[in-house]
Amino acid sequence: MSTSGLTTAELAVADMCGKYAQDPLGYVLAFFPWKTYEPIQIIDWTSTAINPSTNLRLCDQMEPYRLMYPKVVYGPDFWACEFLTELGEDIKRSNFDGKTAVSPLYYATASGHGIGKSVLTAWLTKFIMDTRPFSRGTVTSNTAEQLKIKTWAELGKWHKISLTSEWFNYNTGRGAMNLTHVNHKEAWRCDAQTCREENSEAFAGQHAANATSFYIFDEASAVPDTIFEVRDGGTTDGEPMVFEHCAGRFRHRYKVRCIDSREVWLPNKERIKEWEEDYGADSDFFKVRVRGMFPAAGSCQFIPTDAVEAAQYRETVEDKYAPLLIGVDVARFGDNESVIYPRIGWDARSWTPRRYQGMDTVQLTGKVIECVREFKALGINCSGLFVDGGGIGGAIVDQLRSYGYNPTEVQFGGKATDNQVYRYKGDEIWGRMRDGLNKLSLPANNQPSGVDLKADLTQREFAYTLMGNKINLEAKKDMVKRGVKSPDLADALALTFAEDVAPLARPEGIGPAFITVESDYDPLDPKF
């Protein structure tokens, strides 16, 4: 951006933008009038007030940041400081040089009400637009009304009081909510777009090869799948960034943060206390509105969140008689994952699920054989190999059999064994998995697959059939329509519950109940 014709004051602001390009927290403290503008002087970093929910003094909680910025009195809440600091560290690690594309930065925040998410959205938008010339951004929310009167209105408030308010035109007209640079309207801008599926093309074509293409989704769980697909095209060049409230698809790529409203200074603690007394801290109402969690078991939620969390904390128990069971869920669409999930007895934690995208049937068959042989090398034979046989999964079953393996083909849409309770076989194996959660050990939230598996298990809904009251799980296409990804990890784990499998050895000394039959032909050996 040319600096010719700028006043001394404008040049000073431009220099500040460069100085804070990798320091979003420093930017927020420097570019807004915390010392002089009373309406934003809410969080006093020097206050000795005590948060009744945590018994911490505000000044003590803010001490790390008071040491970093000793002259600051008013500023962001603690959780926002943590977020902005982490973002700055990730930006420094990316070290974008203005030419060579870097990997996208993905962030997701789940939270209770009243913590100031819309304020953070405004700060992020201003930070990127001010410090990265010719950046392009898109902001959306779960409804057009939310987008206009809350998210975009909050940006307008902070833009008006910022040091760079004269650099950009802020518009809030119907169908034209945008923030555009006064001299580069088309090339340096941020647009507010509704997330209706028919509006997906509005998210296309956003590129900033020499700057930052960014997306802020206020409520990712309400965003249609097609929006994500179009959006991903804008993360292929430059220094892309994605911010979401509640992670959407491919959650394993996100840095996920969960904020409890009780630990934040802004929300009314007396009101929160009333909710806790009226509903209870473990109620769905309190978990969603205060703790930023999924409900334990809503009226339509098939697997309770608290049961999954208990399984994630449960210690694994070694059982030398436990059989090795492997579930193979086969992807039917390009964005879905094929998953190979091993579990030994009730231990579904110690062996990481293998996840693949864009793999053909021959390649996936090879990966399944590879998994079986890796366990055999450890002296563990596979006692049950269960493969999703629907669609292209049938080819995996046929190929495994041709190589001398003995997979069990499972049809999710087939008839349930217990057809008095479940409509389809897929419903039944999910039910068996749910019933086993009181014994299972699942990957914890700090393990690679823990966050994704928890979401897969807890976000699927169910209903009863009109005739016979059989359990009928929500179809995957319906999950996608409401913004929830296909539960591929959970399906692979559920497949390991397709049949009862005898233990490897019984106390009376009976040997292994199942030994994998293998031929001499090795499809992975290059000499064949």
Protein backbone atom coordinates (compact mmCIF):
# COMPACT_ATOMS: atom_id res chain seq x y z
CA MET A 1 0.00 0.00 0.00
CA SER A 2 1.40 3.40 -0.98
CA THR A 3 2.01 5.82 1.89
CA SER A 4 2.45 8.89 -0.30
CA GLY A 5 0.17 11.75 0.65
CA LEU A 6 -0.37 10.52 4.22
CA THR A 7 -0.07 12.91 7.13
CA THR A 8 2.49 12.37 9.89
CA ALA A 9 -0.24 10.97 12.16
CA GLU A 10 -1.46 8.60 9.44
CA LEU A 11 2.08 7.39 8.81
CA ALA A 12 2.47 6.72 12.52
CA VAL A 13 -0.70 4.60 12.50
CA ALA A 14 0.52 2.73 9.42
CA ASP A 15 3.79 1.98 11.22
CA MET A 16 1.79 0.68 14.20
CA CYS A 17 -0.10 -1.67 11.91
CA GLY A 18 3.18 -3.23 10.83
CA LYS A 19 4.42 -3.39 14.42
CA TYR A 20 1.35 -5.31 15.61
CA ALA A 21 0.90 -7.60 12.59
CA GLN A 22 1.95 -10.62 14.71
CA ASP A 23 0.56 -9.35 18.02
CA PRO A 24 -3.26 -9.32 17.99
CA LEU A 25 -3.56 -8.64 21.73
CA GLY A 26 -1.15 -5.74 21.48
CA TYR A 27 -3.16 -4.46 18.53
CA VAL A 28 -6.44 -4.56 20.46
CA LEU A 29 -4.87 -2.64 23.37
CA ALA A 30 -3.26 -0.03 21.09
CA PHE A 31 -5.93 0.66 18.47
CA PHE A 32 -8.96 1.25 20.71
CA PRO A 33 -9.37 4.08 23.27
CA TRP A 34 -9.30 2.06 26.48
CA LYS A 35 -8.00 5.02 28.52
CA THR A 36 -10.54 7.58 27.39
CA TYR A 37 -13.72 5.86 26.19
CA GLU A 38 -15.79 4.88 29.22
CA PRO A 39 -18.29 2.51 27.47
CA ILE A 40 -15.51 -0.05 26.86
CA GLN A 41 -13.93 0.30 30.31
CA ILE A 42 -15.58 -2.82 31.73
CA ILE A 43 -12.72 -5.16 32.65
CA ASP A 44 -10.37 -3.43 35.11
CA TRP A 45 -7.12 -5.40 35.14
CA THR A 46 -6.15 -3.85 38.50
CA SER A 47 -9.44 -4.67 40.25
CA THR A 48 -9.38 -6.66 43.50
CA ALA A 49 -12.96 -7.84 42.93
CA ILE A 50 -13.45 -11.58 43.42
CA ASN A 51 -15.20 -13.83 40.94
CA PRO A 52 -17.60 -15.81 43.18
CA SER A 53 -17.49 -18.77 40.80
CA THR A 54 -13.70 -19.18 40.93
CA ASN A 55 -12.74 -17.25 44.13
CA LEU A 56 -10.05 -15.48 42.10
CA ARG A 57 -9.34 -11.77 42.22
CA LEU A 58 -9.46 -10.17 38.80
CA CYS A 59 -6.03 -8.58 39.26
CA ASP A 60 -4.54 -11.97 40.12
CA GLN A 61 -6.10 -13.67 37.11
CA MET A 62 -4.86 -10.89 34.82
CA GLU A 63 -1.37 -10.81 36.36
CA PRO A 64 0.44 -12.46 33.38
CA TYR A 65 -0.93 -9.77 31.09
CA ARG A 66 -0.41 -6.93 33.56
CA LEU A 67 3.26 -7.86 33.57
CA MET A 68 3.35 -7.82 29.76
CA TYR A 69 1.46 -4.52 29.54
CA PRO A 70 2.17 -2.68 32.82
CA LYS A 71 0.47 0.57 31.73
CA VAL A 72 -2.87 -1.07 30.91
CA VAL A 73 -5.81 -0.59 33.26
CA TYR A 74 -8.78 -1.55 31.08
CA GLY A 75 -8.73 -4.24 28.42
CA PRO A 76 -10.14 -7.60 27.23
CA ASP A 77 -11.30 -10.35 29.56
CA PHE A 78 -8.85 -13.11 30.48
CA TRP A 79 -10.21 -15.71 28.02
CA ALA A 80 -9.95 -13.26 25.11
CA CYS A 81 -6.37 -12.39 26.10
CA GLU A 82 -5.50 -16.09 26.05
CA PHE A 83 -7.07 -16.52 22.63
CA LEU A 84 -5.41 -13.46 21.08
CA THR A 85 -2.02 -14.43 22.53
CA GLU A 86 -2.26 -17.95 21.09
CA LEU A 87 -3.27 -16.53 17.71
CA GLY A 88 -0.20 -14.28 17.75
CA GLU A 89 2.09 -17.21 18.53
CA ASP A 90 0.60 -19.24 15.66
CA ILE A 91 1.01 -16.31 13.26
CA LYS A 92 4.68 -16.04 14.20
CA ARG A 93 5.17 -19.76 13.61
CA SER A 94 3.51 -19.55 10.20
CA ASN A 95 5.89 -16.70 9.31
CA PHE A 96 4.06 -15.72 6.11
CA ASP A 97 6.42 -13.83 3.80
CA GLY A 98 3.74 -12.23 1.65
CA LYS A 99 4.31 -14.64 -1.23
CA THR A 100 4.57 -18.31 -0.23
CA ALA A 101 1.25 -19.79 0.94
CA VAL A 102 1.13 -21.15 4.49
CA SER A 103 -1.19 -23.67 6.12
CA PRO A 104 -4.55 -22.31 7.26
CA LEU A 105 -5.05 -21.46 10.93
CA TYR A 106 -8.27 -22.99 12.30
CA TYR A 107 -9.86 -22.02 15.61
CA ALA A 108 -13.13 -23.05 17.24
CA THR A 109 -14.66 -21.76 20.47
CA ALA A 110 -17.52 -23.43 22.32
CA SER A 111 -18.91 -21.33 25.14
CA GLY A 112 -21.78 -20.37 27.37
CA HIS A 113 -23.74 -17.17 26.90
CA GLY A 114 -22.54 -13.64 27.53
CA ILE A 115 -18.76 -14.03 27.28
CA GLY A 116 -18.34 -11.51 24.44
CA LYS A 117 -17.98 -13.64 21.29
CA SER A 118 -19.33 -10.86 19.06
CA VAL A 119 -16.75 -8.47 20.49
CA LEU A 120 -13.96 -10.91 19.66
CA THR A 121 -15.35 -11.21 16.13
CA ALA A 122 -15.08 -7.43 15.76
CA TRP A 123 -11.50 -7.37 17.08
CA LEU A 124 -10.40 -10.19 14.76
CA THR A 125 -11.95 -8.51 11.74
CA LYS A 126 -10.32 -5.17 12.53
CA PHE A 127 -6.95 -6.75 13.37
CA ILE A 128 -6.71 -8.59 10.06
CA MET A 129 -8.08 -5.76 7.93
CA ASP A 130 -5.80 -3.14 9.52
CA THR A 131 -2.54 -5.09 9.64
CA ARG A 132 -2.80 -6.99 6.33
CA PRO A 133 -3.27 -4.77 3.26
CA PHE A 134 -5.60 -6.26 0.63
CA SER A 135 -7.03 -8.90 2.93
CA ARG A 136 -10.41 -10.41 2.12
CA GLY A 137 -12.88 -11.65 4.70
CA THR A 138 -16.36 -13.12 5.12
CA VAL A 139 -18.40 -13.07 8.33
CA THR A 140 -21.59 -15.10 8.77
CA SER A 141 -23.97 -16.09 11.54
CA ASN A 142 -26.70 -18.64 12.11
CA THR A 143 -29.51 -16.22 11.11
CA ALA A 144 -29.73 -13.03 9.08
CA GLU A 145 -31.13 -11.20 12.11
CA GLN A 146 -28.26 -12.32 14.35
CA LEU A 147 -25.78 -11.28 11.69
CA LYS A 148 -27.23 -7.79 11.26
CA ILE A 149 -28.19 -6.67 14.77
CA LYS A 150 -25.46 -8.40 16.78
CA THR A 151 -22.38 -9.59 14.89
CA TRP A 152 -22.16 -6.83 12.28
CA ALA A 153 -23.45 -4.12 14.62
CA GLU A 154 -20.70 -4.97 17.11
CA LEU A 155 -18.09 -4.58 14.38
CA GLY A 156 -19.53 -1.16 13.54
CA LYS A 157 -19.20 -0.02 17.14
CA TRP A 158 -15.54 -0.98 17.42
CA HIS A 159 -14.67 0.25 13.93
CA LYS A 160 -16.06 3.68 14.72
CA ILE A 161 -13.75 4.16 17.72
CA SER A 162 -10.63 2.59 16.16
CA LEU A 163 -7.52 4.46 15.03
CA THR A 164 -8.22 3.36 11.45
CA SER A 165 -11.89 4.34 11.24
CA GLU A 166 -11.17 6.73 8.35
CA TRP A 167 -9.40 4.06 6.32
CA PHE A 168 -12.55 2.05 5.67
CA ASN A 169 -16.20 2.54 4.78
CA TYR A 170 -18.51 0.60 7.08
CA ASN A 171 -21.83 -0.28 5.44
CA THR A 172 -24.84 -1.93 7.01
CA GLY A 173 -27.47 -1.55 4.31
CA ARG A 174 -29.80 -4.36 3.37
CA GLY A 175 -27.91 -6.82 1.17
CA ALA A 176 -24.72 -4.78 1.38
CA MET A 177 -23.12 -5.24 4.78
CA ASN A 178 -19.42 -4.76 4.23
CA LEU A 179 -16.24 -3.04 5.37
CA THR A 180 -14.22 -1.73 2.42
CA HIS A 181 -11.01 0.26 2.12
CA VAL A 182 -11.71 3.78 0.87
CA ASN A 183 -9.21 3.47 -2.00
CA HIS A 184 -9.43 -0.27 -2.73
CA LYS A 185 -13.10 -1.17 -2.41
CA GLU A 186 -12.97 -4.48 -4.30
CA ALA A 187 -9.53 -5.75 -3.30
CA TRP A 188 -9.46 -4.94 0.44
CA ARG A 189 -12.75 -5.76 2.09
CA CYS A 190 -14.82 -7.88 4.45
CA ASP A 191 -18.43 -8.89 3.67
CA ALA A 192 -21.23 -10.12 5.89
CA GLN A 193 -23.11 -12.98 4.24
CA THR A 194 -26.08 -15.05 5.33
CA CYS A 195 -25.35 -18.79 5.51
CA ARG A 196 -28.37 -20.02 3.57
CA GLU A 197 -27.43 -22.94 1.33
CA GLU A 198 -28.68 -21.09 -1.75
CA ASN A 199 -26.23 -18.29 -0.91
CA SER A 200 -23.18 -20.58 -1.05
CA GLU A 201 -21.74 -18.89 -4.14
CA ALA A 202 -21.32 -15.69 -2.13
CA PHE A 203 -18.53 -17.51 -0.25
CA ALA A 204 -16.71 -18.46 -3.47
CA GLY A 205 -13.82 -16.71 -5.15
CA GLN A 206 -12.32 -15.19 -2.01
CA HIS A 207 -8.56 -15.19 -2.43
CA ALA A 208 -5.75 -13.05 -1.04
CA ALA A 209 -2.51 -14.55 -2.35
CA ASN A 210 -0.36 -11.78 -0.86
CA ALA A 211 -2.40 -11.23 2.29
CA THR A 212 -5.01 -13.03 4.42
CA SER A 213 -8.26 -14.64 3.34
CA PHE A 214 -10.33 -15.11 6.50
CA TYR A 215 -13.71 -16.51 7.49
CA ILE A 216 -15.59 -16.00 10.76
CA PHE A 217 -18.56 -18.32 11.36
CA ASP A 218 -20.52 -17.25 14.42
CA GLU A 219 -22.40 -20.56 14.70
CA ALA A 220 -20.73 -23.28 12.65
CA SER A 221 -23.20 -26.01 13.63
CA ALA A 222 -25.94 -24.15 11.72
CA VAL A 223 -23.91 -23.65 8.54
CA PRO A 224 -24.88 -25.94 5.59
CA ASP A 225 -22.25 -28.35 4.33
CA THR A 226 -22.09 -26.69 0.90
CA ILE A 227 -20.94 -23.44 2.54
CA PHE A 228 -17.93 -25.23 4.03
CA GLU A 229 -17.10 -26.78 0.68
CA VAL A 230 -17.13 -23.44 -1.11
CA ARG A 231 -15.28 -21.72 1.73
CA ASP A 232 -12.42 -24.20 1.62
CA GLY A 233 -11.48 -22.84 -1.78
CA GLY A 234 -10.43 -19.59 -0.14
CA THR A 235 -7.87 -21.30 2.11
CA THR A 236 -5.47 -22.38 -0.61
CA ASP A 237 -3.21 -19.34 -0.87
CA GLY A 238 -1.73 -16.54 1.21
CA GLU A 239 -2.18 -16.65 4.98
CA PRO A 240 -5.71 -18.07 5.47
CA MET A 241 -7.49 -18.02 8.83
CA VAL A 242 -10.78 -19.59 9.94
CA PHE A 243 -12.61 -18.76 13.18
CA GLU A 244 -15.75 -20.60 14.28
CA HIS A 245 -18.06 -20.77 17.25
CA CYS A 246 -18.38 -24.55 17.54
CA ALA A 247 -16.21 -26.43 15.07
CA GLY A 248 -17.76 -27.62 11.81
CA ARG A 249 -16.35 -30.34 9.61
CA PHE A 250 -12.83 -31.75 10.05
CA ARG A 251 -12.67 -30.75 13.69
CA HIS A 252 -9.30 -32.48 14.07
CA ARG A 253 -7.74 -29.56 12.19
CA TYR A 254 -9.02 -26.98 14.67
CA LYS A 255 -7.66 -25.62 17.90
CA VAL A 256 -10.72 -26.02 20.08
CA ARG A 257 -11.38 -23.93 23.18
CA CYS A 258 -14.28 -24.41 25.63
CA ILE A 259 -15.22 -21.35 27.74
CA ASP A 260 -17.33 -21.67 30.90
CA SER A 261 -19.33 -18.47 31.49
CA ARG A 262 -18.73 -18.78 35.24
CA GLU A 263 -15.00 -18.20 34.72
CA VAL A 264 -15.57 -15.05 32.64
CA TRP A 265 -16.08 -11.66 34.27
CA LEU A 266 -18.72 -10.24 31.95
CA PRO A 267 -21.73 -12.53 32.62
CA ASN A 268 -24.08 -11.85 35.53
CA LYS A 269 -22.93 -14.29 38.21
CA GLU A 270 -26.07 -13.90 40.30
CA ARG A 271 -28.20 -14.92 37.35
CA ILE A 272 -25.92 -17.89 36.66
CA LYS A 273 -26.24 -18.91 40.31
CA GLU A 274 -30.02 -18.80 40.00
CA TRP A 275 -29.87 -21.03 36.92
CA GLU A 276 -27.64 -23.49 38.78
CA GLU A 277 -30.09 -23.61 41.69
CA ASP A 278 -33.13 -23.91 39.43
CA TYR A 279 -31.83 -26.38 36.86
CA GLY A 280 -28.68 -27.95 38.36
CA ALA A 281 -25.10 -27.75 37.08
CA ASP A 282 -25.46 -31.04 35.18
CA SER A 283 -28.71 -30.12 33.45
CA ASP A 284 -28.84 -29.65 29.70
CA PHE A 285 -29.97 -26.05 30.21
CA PHE A 286 -26.94 -25.21 32.34
CA LYS A 287 -24.45 -27.14 30.22
CA VAL A 288 -25.44 -25.33 27.03
CA ARG A 289 -26.05 -21.81 28.37
CA VAL A 290 -23.28 -21.62 30.93
CA ARG A 291 -20.67 -24.34 30.52
CA GLY A 292 -20.46 -24.28 26.72
CA MET A 293 -21.02 -28.03 26.44
CA PHE A 294 -23.24 -30.36 24.47
CA PRO A 295 -26.40 -31.40 26.38
CA ALA A 296 -26.13 -34.68 28.31
CA ALA A 297 -28.98 -36.23 26.37
CA GLY A 298 -31.52 -34.06 24.67
CA SER A 299 -34.92 -35.37 23.67
CA CYS A 300 -33.43 -36.53 20.35
CA GLN A 301 -29.81 -37.22 21.33
CA PHE A 302 -29.08 -40.93 21.08
CA ILE A 303 -25.87 -41.21 23.12
CA PRO A 304 -25.56 -39.13 26.34
CA THR A 305 -22.56 -36.81 26.51
CA ASP A 306 -21.87 -37.67 30.14
CA ALA A 307 -21.56 -41.37 29.24
CA VAL A 308 -18.99 -40.52 26.55
CA GLU A 309 -17.05 -38.27 28.91
CA ALA A 310 -16.99 -40.99 31.56
CA ALA A 311 -15.56 -43.41 28.99
CA GLN A 312 -12.91 -40.85 28.05
CA TYR A 313 -11.77 -40.63 31.68
CA ARG A 314 -12.04 -44.36 32.46
CA GLU A 315 -8.72 -46.17 32.89
CA THR A 316 -7.95 -48.99 30.49
CA VAL A 317 -7.86 -52.50 31.91
CA GLU A 318 -5.53 -55.07 30.39
CA ASP A 319 -7.24 -58.37 29.64
CA LYS A 320 -5.11 -61.10 28.09
CA TYR A 321 -8.23 -62.99 27.00
CA ALA A 322 -9.82 -59.99 25.22
CA PRO A 323 -10.24 -60.39 21.44
CA LEU A 324 -8.98 -57.93 18.86
CA LEU A 325 -11.90 -56.49 16.88
CA ILE A 326 -11.46 -54.19 13.89
CA GLY A 327 -14.22 -52.05 12.37
CA VAL A 328 -13.82 -50.67 8.84
CA ASP A 329 -16.13 -47.84 7.79
CA VAL A 330 -15.84 -47.09 4.06
CA ALA A 331 -16.25 -43.52 2.79
CA ARG A 332 -18.91 -43.05 0.12
CA PHE A 333 -18.24 -39.41 -0.68
CA GLY A 334 -15.12 -37.38 -1.33
CA ASP A 335 -15.21 -35.37 1.90
CA ASN A 336 -16.00 -38.32 4.17
CA GLU A 337 -13.31 -40.45 5.79
CA SER A 338 -12.65 -44.16 5.61
CA VAL A 339 -11.78 -45.30 9.12
CA ILE A 340 -10.13 -48.47 10.46
CA TYR A 341 -10.84 -48.71 14.19
CA PRO A 342 -9.13 -51.42 16.31
CA ARG A 343 -10.28 -52.24 19.84
CA ILE A 344 -9.18 -55.01 22.17
CA GLY A 345 -11.91 -55.96 24.56
CA TRP A 346 -13.18 -52.76 26.17
CA ASP A 347 -10.04 -50.82 25.28
CA ALA A 348 -10.87 -48.48 22.38
CA ARG A 349 -8.19 -45.97 23.36
CA SER A 350 -4.75 -47.55 23.15
CA TRP A 351 -4.72 -48.01 19.36
CA THR A 352 -5.31 -44.91 17.31
CA PRO A 353 -7.99 -45.18 14.59
CA ARG A 354 -6.57 -44.90 11.06
CA ARG A 355 -8.31 -42.24 8.96
CA TYR A 356 -8.09 -41.81 5.19
CA GLN A 357 -9.58 -39.56 2.53
CA GLY A 358 -9.75 -39.99 -1.23
CA MET A 359 -8.60 -43.63 -1.11
CA ASP A 360 -9.85 -46.18 -3.64
CA THR A 361 -10.97 -49.69 -2.70
CA VAL A 362 -7.66 -51.37 -3.57
CA GLN A 363 -5.68 -48.92 -1.45
CA LEU A 364 -8.08 -49.21 1.48
CA THR A 365 -7.99 -53.00 1.30
CA GLY A 366 -4.21 -52.78 1.56
CA LYS A 367 -4.48 -50.54 4.62
CA VAL A 368 -6.83 -53.03 6.30
CA ILE A 369 -4.42 -55.90 5.65
CA GLU A 370 -1.55 -53.75 6.89
CA CYS A 371 -3.42 -53.09 10.15
CA VAL A 372 -4.19 -56.80 10.70
CA ARG A 373 -0.56 -57.76 10.06
CA GLU A 374 0.82 -55.10 12.38
CA PHE A 375 -1.17 -56.62 15.23
CA LYS A 376 -0.14 -60.14 14.21
CA ALA A 377 3.50 -59.05 14.42
CA LEU A 378 2.75 -58.18 18.05
CA GLY A 379 1.36 -61.69 18.61
CA ILE A 380 -2.28 -60.58 18.42
CA ASN A 381 -4.57 -62.28 15.90
CA CYS A 382 -7.71 -60.54 14.72
CA SER A 383 -10.78 -62.23 16.17
CA GLY A 384 -13.34 -60.15 14.28
CA LEU A 385 -12.94 -58.04 11.16
CA PHE A 386 -16.18 -56.13 10.49
CA VAL A 387 -16.50 -54.17 7.24
CA ASP A 388 -19.23 -51.80 6.15
CA GLY A 389 -20.50 -53.61 3.09
CA GLY A 390 -22.85 -50.93 1.74
CA GLY A 391 -22.05 -49.20 -1.55
CA ILE A 392 -18.40 -49.53 -2.51
CA GLY A 393 -17.70 -51.31 0.79
CA GLY A 394 -18.72 -54.56 -0.86
CA ALA A 395 -15.59 -54.36 -3.01
CA ILE A 396 -13.43 -54.21 0.14
CA VAL A 397 -15.13 -57.32 1.48
CA ASP A 398 -14.61 -59.22 -1.79
CA GLN A 399 -10.95 -58.24 -2.04
CA LEU A 400 -10.21 -59.22 1.57
CA ARG A 401 -11.78 -62.62 0.96
CA SER A 402 -9.77 -63.11 -2.23
CA TYR A 403 -6.58 -62.56 -0.19
CA GLY A 404 -7.58 -65.24 2.33
CA TYR A 405 -9.05 -63.06 5.07
CA ASN A 406 -12.42 -63.68 6.65
CA PRO A 407 -14.23 -60.36 7.10
CA THR A 408 -17.82 -60.07 8.32
CA GLU A 409 -19.86 -57.91 5.99
CA VAL A 410 -22.18 -55.53 7.84
CA GLN A 411 -25.04 -53.79 6.07
CA PHE A 412 -26.09 -50.68 8.01
CA GLY A 413 -29.42 -50.73 6.20
CA GLY A 414 -29.94 -54.45 6.76
CA LYS A 415 -32.37 -56.10 9.13
CA ALA A 416 -31.57 -55.81 12.83
CA THR A 417 -31.06 -59.01 14.81
CA ASP A 418 -33.25 -57.54 17.55
CA ASN A 419 -35.90 -56.22 15.19
CA GLN A 420 -38.35 -55.65 18.01
CA VAL A 421 -36.21 -52.73 19.24
CA TYR A 422 -34.24 -51.47 16.22
CA ARG A 423 -35.32 -50.68 12.69
CA TYR A 424 -32.01 -51.35 10.92
CA LYS A 425 -28.74 -53.16 11.63
CA GLY A 426 -26.94 -49.78 11.83
CA ASP A 427 -29.32 -48.63 14.55
CA GLU A 428 -28.72 -51.85 16.45
CA ILE A 429 -24.91 -51.74 16.43
CA TRP A 430 -25.03 -48.10 17.59
CA GLY A 431 -27.34 -49.26 20.38
CA ARG A 432 -24.93 -52.03 21.35
CA MET A 433 -22.09 -49.50 21.34
CA ARG A 434 -24.11 -47.15 23.55
CA ASP A 435 -24.86 -49.97 25.98
CA GLY A 436 -21.13 -50.76 26.15
CA LEU A 437 -20.10 -47.22 27.10
CA ASN A 438 -20.26 -48.09 30.80
CA LYS A 439 -17.22 -50.36 30.23
CA LEU A 440 -15.39 -48.81 27.28
CA SER A 441 -12.25 -46.69 27.51
CA LEU A 442 -12.33 -44.06 24.75
CA PRO A 443 -9.66 -41.61 23.52
CA ALA A 444 -9.46 -38.59 25.83
CA ASN A 445 -9.98 -35.03 24.57
CA ASN A 446 -6.21 -34.50 24.49
CA GLN A 447 -5.76 -37.46 22.12
CA PRO A 448 -5.90 -36.95 18.33
CA SER A 449 -9.27 -38.63 17.84
CA GLY A 450 -10.86 -37.76 21.19
CA VAL A 451 -12.59 -34.51 20.23
CA ASP A 452 -13.87 -35.86 16.91
CA LEU A 453 -15.12 -39.14 18.37
CA LYS A 454 -16.98 -37.35 21.16
CA ALA A 455 -18.72 -35.11 18.63
CA ASP A 456 -19.56 -38.08 16.38
CA LEU A 457 -21.06 -40.03 19.26
CA THR A 458 -23.09 -37.21 20.81
CA GLN A 459 -24.41 -35.28 17.81
CA ARG A 460 -26.47 -38.01 16.19
CA GLU A 461 -30.19 -37.85 16.89
CA PHE A 462 -32.88 -40.52 16.79
CA ALA A 463 -36.62 -41.04 16.69
CA TYR A 464 -39.11 -43.91 16.88
CA THR A 465 -40.90 -45.47 13.95
CA LEU A 466 -44.63 -44.90 13.73
CA MET A 467 -45.29 -48.63 13.78
CA GLY A 468 -43.83 -50.69 16.61
CA ASN A 469 -41.80 -47.89 18.28
CA LYS A 470 -38.51 -49.16 16.88
CA ILE A 471 -35.42 -47.00 17.31
CA ASN A 472 -34.48 -45.26 14.05
CA LEU A 473 -31.25 -43.22 13.99
CA GLU A 474 -30.97 -39.98 12.05
CA ALA A 475 -29.81 -40.53 8.47
CA LYS A 476 -26.35 -39.21 7.62
CA LYS A 477 -27.72 -37.02 4.83
CA ASP A 478 -30.00 -35.37 7.38
CA MET A 479 -27.07 -34.80 9.71
CA VAL A 480 -25.19 -33.08 6.90
CA LYS A 481 -28.21 -30.87 6.16
CA ARG A 482 -28.17 -29.51 9.69
CA GLY A 483 -24.42 -28.88 9.55
CA VAL A 484 -23.10 -32.01 11.28
CA LYS A 485 -20.42 -34.10 9.57
CA SER A 486 -20.83 -37.78 8.82
CA PRO A 487 -19.95 -39.75 12.01
CA ASP A 488 -17.30 -41.89 10.33
CA LEU A 489 -15.20 -42.48 13.47
CA ALA A 490 -18.23 -43.55 15.50
CA ASP A 491 -19.48 -45.79 12.68
CA ALA A 492 -16.13 -47.61 12.57
CA LEU A 493 -16.22 -48.14 16.33
CA ALA A 494 -19.87 -49.27 16.17
CA LEU A 495 -18.93 -51.92 13.61
CA THR A 496 -16.84 -53.66 16.27
CA PHE A 497 -20.14 -54.30 18.08
CA ALA A 498 -21.79 -56.00 15.09
CA GLU A 499 -21.49 -59.49 16.62
CA ASP A 500 -20.54 -61.10 19.90
CA VAL A 501 -17.02 -62.53 19.70
CA ALA A 502 -15.66 -65.15 22.07
CA PRO A 503 -12.54 -64.36 24.11
CA LEU A 504 -9.17 -65.61 22.92
CA ALA A 505 -8.96 -68.16 25.69
CA ARG A 506 -11.29 -69.27 28.41
CA PRO A 507 -10.30 -69.89 32.04
CA GLU A 508 -10.65 -73.64 31.41
CA GLY A 509 -7.76 -73.38 28.93
CA ILE A 510 -9.66 -73.38 25.64
CA GLY A 511 -7.51 -71.78 22.95
CA PRO A 512 -8.25 -68.82 20.74
CA ALA A 513 -11.79 -68.68 19.45
CA PHE A 514 -10.75 -67.34 16.05
CA ILE A 515 -7.60 -67.41 13.99
CA THR A 516 -7.34 -65.30 10.85
CA VAL A 517 -6.90 -67.41 7.72
CA GLU A 518 -4.31 -65.96 5.39
CA SER A 519 -2.98 -67.01 1.99
CA ASP A 520 0.64 -66.79 0.87
CA TYR A 521 -0.33 -64.00 -1.52
CA ASP A 522 0.68 -60.61 -0.18
CA PRO A 523 -0.92 -57.68 -2.08
CA LEU A 524 1.45 -55.27 -0.34
CA ASP A 525 4.58 -57.12 -1.46
CA PRO A 526 6.03 -55.29 -4.52
CA LYS A 527 7.24 -58.55 -6.09
CA PHE A 528 3.64 -59.63 -6.80
